Amino acid sequence: MACSAVVLLRKKSPAPTQAAVKSNSTARKPDGVLVFTDGACSGNPGPGGWGALIQSPQGEIELSGGAFATTNNRMELEAVIQALRFLQSEGIEQAELYTDSQYVKNGITQWVHNWKINQWKTAAKKPVLNQDLWQTLDELNQKLKISFHWLKGHAGHPENERCDALARSEIIKLQENP
């Protein structure tokens, strides 16, 4: 499955005001890196897209890509993987990552340890779905210091909404150019 990637660089944004800190927006740490990710799929399975927004003191970076035949969960995982690969390529070793996917958050923080012990089988002794992506994510996670956080999707978080828009725009590109 091919997965395209697009990178958009933006200039440094001003520091958040106290009003922004109290809004639905996640406050940017002055010296930290924040990562927001989202995945989407039309049909599930069907064409899918992923988006990531990386905020640092130097500015914002948007990443996005998609695949023709995929699932929502695969796109959620792909968004995180591509964001972490970008961090690694830039020499960034630590970040706070926000996802609206409990599947991703719980998988990497709770389930992956037992999956590895059980030779990539679930508690029900069935093969772990999306094992290829989970193994890639686990490998990246072992090399970096990432704190994973869940936030409610479609709840007015500007960064999450932006990632959703990036993911959906990739789906539209795939549908328009089959």
Foldseek 3Di string as FASTA:
>chain_A
DDKDKDKDFDFADDADDPVCVPDLAPHDDQAAKEKEKAKDDDPAQAKIKIKMWIQGRGGIMIMMIIDGTDGRVVRRLVRLLVVLVVCVVVVNFEHEYEYQDPCVVCCQPPNVVVCVVLVQAHPVRHHPPPVVSSVSNNVSCVRGHYHYDYDHAPPPHVRNVVRVVRTVVNSVVSVVPD
